[in-house]
PDB file of N, CA and C in Angstrom:
ATOM      1  N   MET A   1       0.851  -1.207   0.000  1.00  0.00           N
ATOM      2  CA  MET A   1       0.000   0.000   0.000  1.00  0.00           C
ATOM      3  C   MET A   1       0.886   1.256   0.000  1.00  0.00           C
ATOM      4  N   GLU A   2       2.029   1.153   0.659  1.00  0.00           N
ATOM      5  CA  GLU A   2       2.923   2.333   0.712  1.00  0.00           C
ATOM      6  C   GLU A   2       3.319   2.757  -0.703  1.00  0.00           C
ATOM      7  N   ARG A   3       3.585   1.786  -1.541  1.00  0.00           N
ATOM      8  CA  ARG A   3       4.018   2.112  -2.912  1.00  0.00           C
ATOM      9  C   ARG A   3       2.895   2.860  -3.636  1.00  0.00           C
ATOM     10  N   ASN A   4       1.685   2.414  -3.478  1.00  0.00           N
ATOM     11  CA  ASN A   4       0.558   3.088  -4.141  1.00  0.00           C
ATOM     12  C   ASN A   4       0.483   4.547  -3.713  1.00  0.00           C
ATOM     13  N   GLN A   5       0.613   4.791  -2.420  1.00  0.00           N
ATOM     14  CA  GLN A   5       0.549   6.179  -1.921  1.00  0.00           C
ATOM     15  C   GLN A   5       1.639   7.012  -2.579  1.00  0.00           C
ATOM     16  N   GLY A   6       2.832   6.477  -2.666  1.00  0.00           N
ATOM     17  CA  GLY A   6       3.940   7.219  -3.276  1.00  0.00           C
ATOM     18  C   GLY A   6       3.618   7.562  -4.724  1.00  0.00           C
ATOM     19  N   GLU A   7       3.032   6.638  -5.424  1.00  0.00           N
ATOM     20  CA  GLU A   7       2.720   6.907  -6.839  1.00  0.00           C
ATOM     21  C   GLU A   7       1.713   8.054  -6.953  1.00  0.00           C
ATOM     22  N   VAL A   8       0.729   8.043  -6.105  1.00  0.00           N
ATOM     23  CA  VAL A   8      -0.296   9.104  -6.152  1.00  0.00           C
ATOM     24  C   VAL A   8       0.354  10.459  -5.893  1.00  0.00           C
ATOM     25  N   PHE A   9       1.230  10.512  -4.910  1.00  0.00           N
ATOM     26  CA  PHE A   9       1.892  11.786  -4.584  1.00  0.00           C
ATOM     27  C   PHE A   9       2.802  12.223  -5.729  1.00  0.00           C
ATOM     28  N   MET A  10       3.490  11.276  -6.328  1.00  0.00           N
ATOM     29  CA  MET A  10       4.419  11.611  -7.428  1.00  0.00           C
ATOM     30  C   MET A  10       3.622  12.022  -8.673  1.00  0.00           C
ATOM     31  N   SER A  11       2.440  11.495  -8.812  1.00  0.00           N
ATOM     32  CA  SER A  11       1.634  11.804  -9.998  1.00  0.00           C
ATOM     33  C   SER A  11       1.392  13.314 -10.097  1.00  0.00           C
ATOM     34  N   ARG A  12       1.188  13.967  -8.985  1.00  0.00           N
ATOM     35  CA  ARG A  12       0.896  15.418  -9.016  1.00  0.00           C
ATOM     36  C   ARG A  12       2.099  16.199  -9.564  1.00  0.00           C
ATOM     37  N   PRO A  13       3.257  16.065  -8.977  1.00  0.00           N
ATOM     38  CA  PRO A  13       4.448  16.794  -9.467  1.00  0.00           C
ATOM     39  C   PRO A  13       4.755  16.450 -10.921  1.00  0.00           C
ATOM     40  N   ILE A  14       4.579  15.196 -11.277  1.00  0.00           N
ATOM     41  CA  ILE A  14       4.890  14.768 -12.655  1.00  0.00           C
ATOM     42  C   ILE A  14       3.990  15.531 -13.635  1.00  0.00           C
ATOM     43  N   VAL A  15       2.726  15.636 -13.312  1.00  0.00           N
ATOM     44  CA  VAL A  15       1.790  16.345 -14.203  1.00  0.00           C
ATOM     45  C   VAL A  15       2.247  17.791 -14.386  1.00  0.00           C
ATOM     46  N   ALA A  16       2.676  18.416 -13.306  1.00  0.00           N
ATOM     47  CA  ALA A  16       3.125  19.817 -13.379  1.00  0.00           C
ATOM     48  C   ALA A  16       4.352  19.916 -14.284  1.00  0.00           C
ATOM     49  N   ILE A  17       5.257  18.958 -14.152  1.00  0.00           N
ATOM     50  CA  ILE A  17       6.485  18.974 -14.969  1.00  0.00           C
ATOM     51  C   ILE A  17       6.118  18.734 -16.440  1.00  0.00           C
ATOM     52  N   VAL A  18       5.203  17.806 -16.677  1.00  0.00           N
ATOM     53  CA  VAL A  18       4.822  17.495 -18.060  1.00  0.00           C
ATOM     54  C   VAL A  18       4.246  18.746 -18.731  1.00  0.00           C
ATOM     55  N   GLY A  19       3.556  19.569 -17.961  1.00  0.00           N
ATOM     56  CA  GLY A  19       2.951  20.782 -18.520  1.00  0.00           C
ATOM     57  C   GLY A  19       4.031  21.771 -18.963  1.00  0.00           C
ATOM     58  N   ARG A  20       5.220  21.616 -18.402  1.00  0.00           N
ATOM     59  CA  ARG A  20       6.323  22.559 -18.744  1.00  0.00           C
ATOM     60  C   ARG A  20       6.815  22.278 -20.181  1.00  0.00           C
ATOM     61  N   PRO A  21       7.809  23.027 -20.636  1.00  0.00           N
ATOM     62  CA  PRO A  21       8.358  22.845 -21.987  1.00  0.00           C
ATOM     63  C   PRO A  21       8.777  21.396 -22.239  1.00  0.00           C
ATOM     64  N   ASN A  22       9.022  21.087 -23.495  1.00  0.00           N
ATOM     65  CA  ASN A  22       9.432  19.716 -23.854  1.00  0.00           C
ATOM     66  C   ASN A  22      10.737  19.332 -23.161  1.00  0.00           C
ATOM     67  N   VAL A  23      11.543  20.303 -22.832  1.00  0.00           N
ATOM     68  CA  VAL A  23      12.837  20.011 -22.188  1.00  0.00           C
ATOM     69  C   VAL A  23      12.602  19.193 -20.921  1.00  0.00           C
ATOM     70  N   GLY A  24      11.702  19.643 -20.062  1.00  0.00           N
ATOM     71  CA  GLY A  24      11.421  18.923 -18.813  1.00  0.00           C
ATOM     72  C   GLY A  24      10.805  17.565 -19.115  1.00  0.00           C
ATOM     73  N   LYS A  25       9.932  17.516 -20.094  1.00  0.00           N
ATOM     74  CA  LYS A  25       9.272  16.252 -20.443  1.00  0.00           C
ATOM     75  C   LYS A  25      10.314  15.228 -20.908  1.00  0.00           C
ATOM     76  N   SER A  26      11.226  15.661 -21.742  1.00  0.00           N
ATOM     77  CA  SER A  26      12.255  14.750 -22.268  1.00  0.00           C
ATOM     78  C   SER A  26      13.066  14.164 -21.113  1.00  0.00           C
ATOM     79  N   THR A  27      13.380  14.982 -20.134  1.00  0.00           N
ATOM     80  CA  THR A  27      14.189  14.500 -19.004  1.00  0.00           C
ATOM     81  C   THR A  27      13.433  13.409 -18.268  1.00  0.00           C
ATOM     82  N   LEU A  28      12.136  13.607 -18.067  1.00  0.00           N
ATOM     83  CA  LEU A  28      11.346  12.609 -17.327  1.00  0.00           C
ATOM     84  C   LEU A  28      11.281  11.314 -18.135  1.00  0.00           C
ATOM     85  N   PHE A  29      10.983  11.443 -19.408  1.00  0.00           N
ATOM     86  CA  PHE A  29      10.858  10.240 -20.241  1.00  0.00           C
ATOM     87  C   PHE A  29      12.192   9.506 -20.346  1.00  0.00           C
ATOM     88  N   ASN A  30      13.272  10.268 -20.324  1.00  0.00           N
ATOM     89  CA  ASN A  30      14.594   9.652 -20.433  1.00  0.00           C
ATOM     90  C   ASN A  30      14.853   8.840 -19.189  1.00  0.00           C
TER      91      ASN A  30
END
């Protein structure tokens, strides 16, 4: 269950980063 909670929390920051320029997106995908 701990892992699930971590994913939910990480999902928020990830969405914010994805909204940024492609530069940030490329780093995450890499």
